[in-house]
Protein backbone atom coordinates (compact mmCIF):
# COMPACT_ATOMS: atom_id res chain seq x y z
CA MET A 1 0.00 0.00 0.00
CA LEU A 2 2.85 2.40 0.78
CA LEU A 3 4.45 1.73 -2.61
CA LYS A 4 1.20 2.67 -4.31
CA PHE A 5 1.16 5.96 -2.40
CA LEU A 6 4.82 6.71 -3.10
CA ASN A 7 4.37 6.05 -6.80
CA GLY A 8 1.58 8.62 -6.88
CA ILE A 9 3.48 11.70 -5.71
CA THR A 10 5.42 14.20 -7.83
CA GLY A 11 8.63 15.87 -6.68
CA GLY A 12 9.17 18.52 -9.29
CA GLY A 13 12.89 18.61 -8.48
CA ALA A 14 12.38 19.14 -4.74
CA LEU A 15 15.20 18.13 -2.40
CA VAL A 16 14.38 15.15 -0.20
CA ILE A 17 15.85 13.09 2.66
CA PRO A 18 14.87 9.40 2.40
CA VAL A 19 14.60 7.90 5.91
CA VAL A 20 13.63 4.37 6.97
CA THR A 21 13.27 2.80 10.40
CA PHE A 22 13.85 -0.83 11.33
CA GLY A 23 13.24 -2.95 14.39
CA ASN A 24 16.82 -3.97 15.24
CA ARG A 25 16.99 -6.64 12.49
CA ASP A 26 17.97 -4.99 9.20
CA TYR A 27 16.56 -2.53 6.72
CA ASP A 28 17.70 -4.72 3.81
CA ASP A 29 17.12 -2.76 0.57
CA ALA A 30 14.37 -0.50 1.94
CA LEU A 31 16.47 2.66 1.85
CA ILE A 32 17.89 2.18 -1.62
CA GLU A 33 14.44 1.26 -2.94
CA LEU A 34 12.94 4.37 -1.33
CA ARG A 35 15.72 6.49 -2.80
CA ASP A 36 15.07 5.11 -6.28
CA ILE A 37 11.30 5.60 -6.01
CA LEU A 38 11.79 9.22 -4.97
CA ILE A 39 14.18 9.84 -7.87
CA LYS A 40 11.65 8.32 -10.27
CA ASP A 41 8.99 10.59 -8.78
CA GLY A 42 11.08 13.67 -9.54
CA PHE A 43 12.75 14.28 -6.16
CA GLU A 44 16.46 14.83 -5.56
CA PRO A 45 17.76 12.87 -2.52
CA ILE A 46 20.65 14.75 -0.89
CA THR A 47 21.12 12.83 2.37
CA ALA A 48 19.51 9.72 3.87
CA GLY A 49 19.18 7.75 7.06
CA ALA A 50 18.18 4.40 8.54
CA PHE A 51 17.27 4.46 12.22
CA VAL A 52 16.59 1.72 14.75
CA GLY A 53 13.25 1.79 16.55
CA GLU A 54 11.36 -0.73 18.64
CA HIS A 55 10.28 -3.69 16.51
CA SER A 56 6.55 -3.66 15.87
CA PHE A 57 6.19 -7.32 16.92
CA SER A 58 8.31 -7.14 20.06
CA ASN A 59 8.85 -5.15 23.25
CA GLU A 60 12.43 -6.43 23.43
CA LEU A 61 13.90 -5.90 19.95
CA GLY A 62 15.03 -2.30 19.66
CA LYS A 63 13.81 -1.58 23.19
CA ASP A 64 14.26 2.07 24.20
CA ARG A 65 15.29 3.01 20.69
CA PRO A 66 15.82 5.57 19.40
CA ASN A 67 18.34 6.30 22.13
CA GLU A 68 20.68 9.28 22.66
CA GLU A 69 23.16 7.98 20.10
CA ASP A 70 20.41 7.57 17.49
CA LEU A 71 19.16 11.10 18.16
CA SER A 72 22.69 12.50 17.94
CA LEU A 73 23.08 10.79 14.58
CA ALA A 74 19.77 12.26 13.43
CA LYS A 75 21.02 15.70 14.48
CA LEU A 76 24.21 15.14 12.49
CA LEU A 77 22.11 14.15 9.48
CA ALA A 78 20.19 17.41 9.80
CA GLU A 79 23.43 19.38 10.04
CA LYS A 80 24.95 17.69 6.98
CA THR A 81 21.74 18.30 5.06
CA ALA A 82 21.75 21.99 6.00
CA GLU A 83 25.40 22.29 4.96
CA LYS A 84 24.60 20.94 1.52
CA VAL A 85 21.55 23.14 1.06
CA PHE A 86 23.02 26.42 2.29
CA SER A 87 26.39 25.95 0.56
CA ASN A 88 24.62 24.92 -2.64
CA SER A 89 26.97 21.92 -2.84
CA ILE A 90 24.50 19.34 -4.05
CA PRO A 91 26.32 16.87 -6.34
CA ASP A 92 25.02 15.81 -9.73
CA SER A 93 25.62 12.13 -8.94
CA ILE A 94 23.05 9.89 -7.24
CA LEU A 95 23.34 9.72 -3.46
CA LYS A 96 25.05 6.49 -2.40
CA VAL A 97 23.25 4.45 0.29
CA LYS A 98 23.60 0.87 1.57
CA GLY A 99 21.69 -1.77 -0.34
CA VAL A 100 21.61 -3.84 -3.50
CA GLU A 101 20.97 -2.01 -6.74
CA PHE A 102 17.94 -3.16 -8.73
CA PRO A 103 16.74 -5.89 -8.76
CA TYR A 104 16.32 -5.54 -5.00
CA ARG A 105 16.52 -8.52 -2.71
CA GLY A 106 13.17 -10.07 -1.80
CA TYR A 107 11.42 -8.99 1.37
CA PHE A 108 12.32 -10.87 4.54
CA LYS A 109 10.35 -14.13 4.90
CA PRO A 110 9.80 -15.90 8.21
CA LEU A 111 10.69 -19.60 8.24
CA ASP A 112 9.72 -22.53 10.45
CA ASN A 113 12.17 -24.99 12.05
CA GLU A 114 12.34 -26.99 8.81
CA GLY A 115 13.12 -23.90 6.73
CA ASN A 116 9.64 -23.64 5.21
CA PHE A 117 8.08 -20.24 4.60
CA ILE A 118 5.50 -19.21 7.22
CA SER A 119 2.74 -17.02 5.87
CA ILE A 120 1.38 -14.61 8.47
CA LEU A 121 -0.38 -12.32 5.99
CA LYS A 122 -3.87 -13.32 7.12
CA VAL A 123 -3.09 -13.51 10.83
CA LYS A 124 -5.11 -11.05 12.91
CA PRO A 125 -5.03 -10.11 16.62
CA GLU A 126 -7.40 -11.66 19.12
CA THR A 127 -9.16 -9.94 22.05
CA ASN A 128 -9.58 -11.44 25.51
CA LYS A 129 -12.08 -10.89 28.32
CA ASP A 130 -10.01 -8.09 29.88
CA CYS A 131 -11.13 -5.72 27.14
CA ILE A 132 -13.02 -2.69 28.51
CA ASP A 133 -14.14 -1.46 25.08
CA CYS A 134 -12.15 1.80 25.39
CA LYS A 135 -11.72 1.93 21.58
CA ILE A 136 -8.02 2.85 21.81
CA CYS A 137 -7.24 -0.05 19.48
CA VAL A 138 -9.75 1.24 16.94
CA TYR A 139 -8.15 4.66 16.77
CA SER A 140 -4.62 3.24 16.89
CA CYS A 141 -5.03 1.02 13.84
CA PRO A 142 -3.46 2.80 10.82
CA MET A 143 -5.53 0.67 8.45
CA GLY A 144 -8.87 1.41 10.13
CA SER A 145 -9.44 -2.34 10.28
CA ILE A 146 -10.81 -2.75 13.82
CA SER A 147 -14.58 -2.45 14.13
CA LEU A 148 -15.84 0.45 16.24
CA ASP A 149 -18.98 -1.51 17.13
CA ASN A 150 -17.10 -4.69 18.05
CA VAL A 151 -13.41 -4.18 18.82
CA SER A 152 -12.74 -7.92 18.74
CA GLU A 153 -13.57 -7.89 15.02
CA VAL A 154 -10.74 -7.08 12.60
CA LYS A 155 -12.70 -6.48 9.43
CA GLY A 156 -9.87 -5.27 7.19
CA MET A 157 -6.20 -5.83 6.49
CA CYS A 158 -3.81 -6.27 9.42
CA ILE A 159 -0.23 -5.16 8.66
CA LYS A 160 1.10 -6.51 12.00
CA CYS A 161 2.16 -3.07 13.22
CA CYS A 162 0.92 -4.18 16.67
CA ALA A 163 -0.23 -0.67 17.58
CA CYS A 164 -3.47 -2.13 18.96
CA ILE A 165 -1.52 -4.57 21.14
CA LYS A 166 1.08 -2.14 22.44
CA LYS A 167 -1.39 0.65 23.17
CA CYS A 168 -4.08 -1.45 24.85
CA PRO A 169 -4.19 -0.40 28.54
CA GLN A 170 -5.63 -3.79 29.56
CA LYS A 171 -3.24 -5.99 27.52
CA ALA A 172 -6.38 -7.45 26.00
CA LYS A 173 -5.08 -7.68 22.41
CA TYR A 174 -2.71 -10.46 21.40
CA PHE A 175 -1.65 -12.85 18.64
CA ASP A 176 -2.02 -16.59 19.16
CA ASP A 177 -1.14 -17.88 15.70
CA PRO A 178 1.60 -20.57 16.12
CA GLY A 179 3.50 -19.43 13.03
CA TYR A 180 3.51 -15.82 14.13
CA LEU A 181 4.64 -16.72 17.67
CA ALA A 182 7.41 -18.98 16.34
CA HIS A 183 8.60 -16.18 14.08
CA LEU A 184 8.58 -13.74 17.00
CA ARG A 185 10.62 -16.13 19.15
CA ASP A 186 13.18 -16.52 16.36
CA LEU A 187 13.48 -12.76 15.87
CA GLU A 188 14.02 -12.17 19.58
CA LYS A 189 16.60 -14.97 19.74
CA ILE A 190 18.60 -14.14 16.62
CA TYR A 191 18.57 -10.34 16.64
CA ARG A 192 19.20 -9.46 20.29
CA LYS A 193 22.49 -7.73 19.50
CA LEU A 194 21.91 -4.01 19.23
CA ALA A 195 21.85 -2.81 15.64
CA GLU A 196 23.23 0.59 14.64
CA SER A 197 21.51 3.46 12.92
CA GLU A 198 23.26 4.81 9.80
CA ILE A 199 23.30 8.05 7.84
CA PHE A 200 24.49 8.84 4.31
CA TYR A 201 25.58 12.22 2.96
């Protein structure tokens, strides 16, 4: 859905700073793909960044990120951007960022213990008896998929952002799909080492 939106905007030569966030695993080719989309849309990327944030699935991966170091790096990115703009030193060449040039690598796919692909596309959160019908989940869902009349009903697409789960004051929202839970356990086991944010200028 985001790609459809990005492909519908027009830059008209405007300067732009592509930025992606990632949940302590990797941003793969997200930044280079975003850069290329913006160039195709008529923007001119002059600096870029990839910043660690808390993983949408987990309270442990990327916990307390962004931290002071991340924010200092973001400040440096802003300073380098300002230097380029105010000194009018914007190069003619394409901004170099980390990633594989087209064709991009495929999106990350969760695997089971036998190495088979786990599809969690249709997995949706459940609601338990602790729900007090406060509607916070309804208003937190970026897709507008949770029913206002019945908050236990997810009537539209779930993108697994987990906003409904993390913002629920009663901890009444949860996932119970075995594939999803196995994937979460693997992520928390494999990617516990703190990842680093990166900037490009």
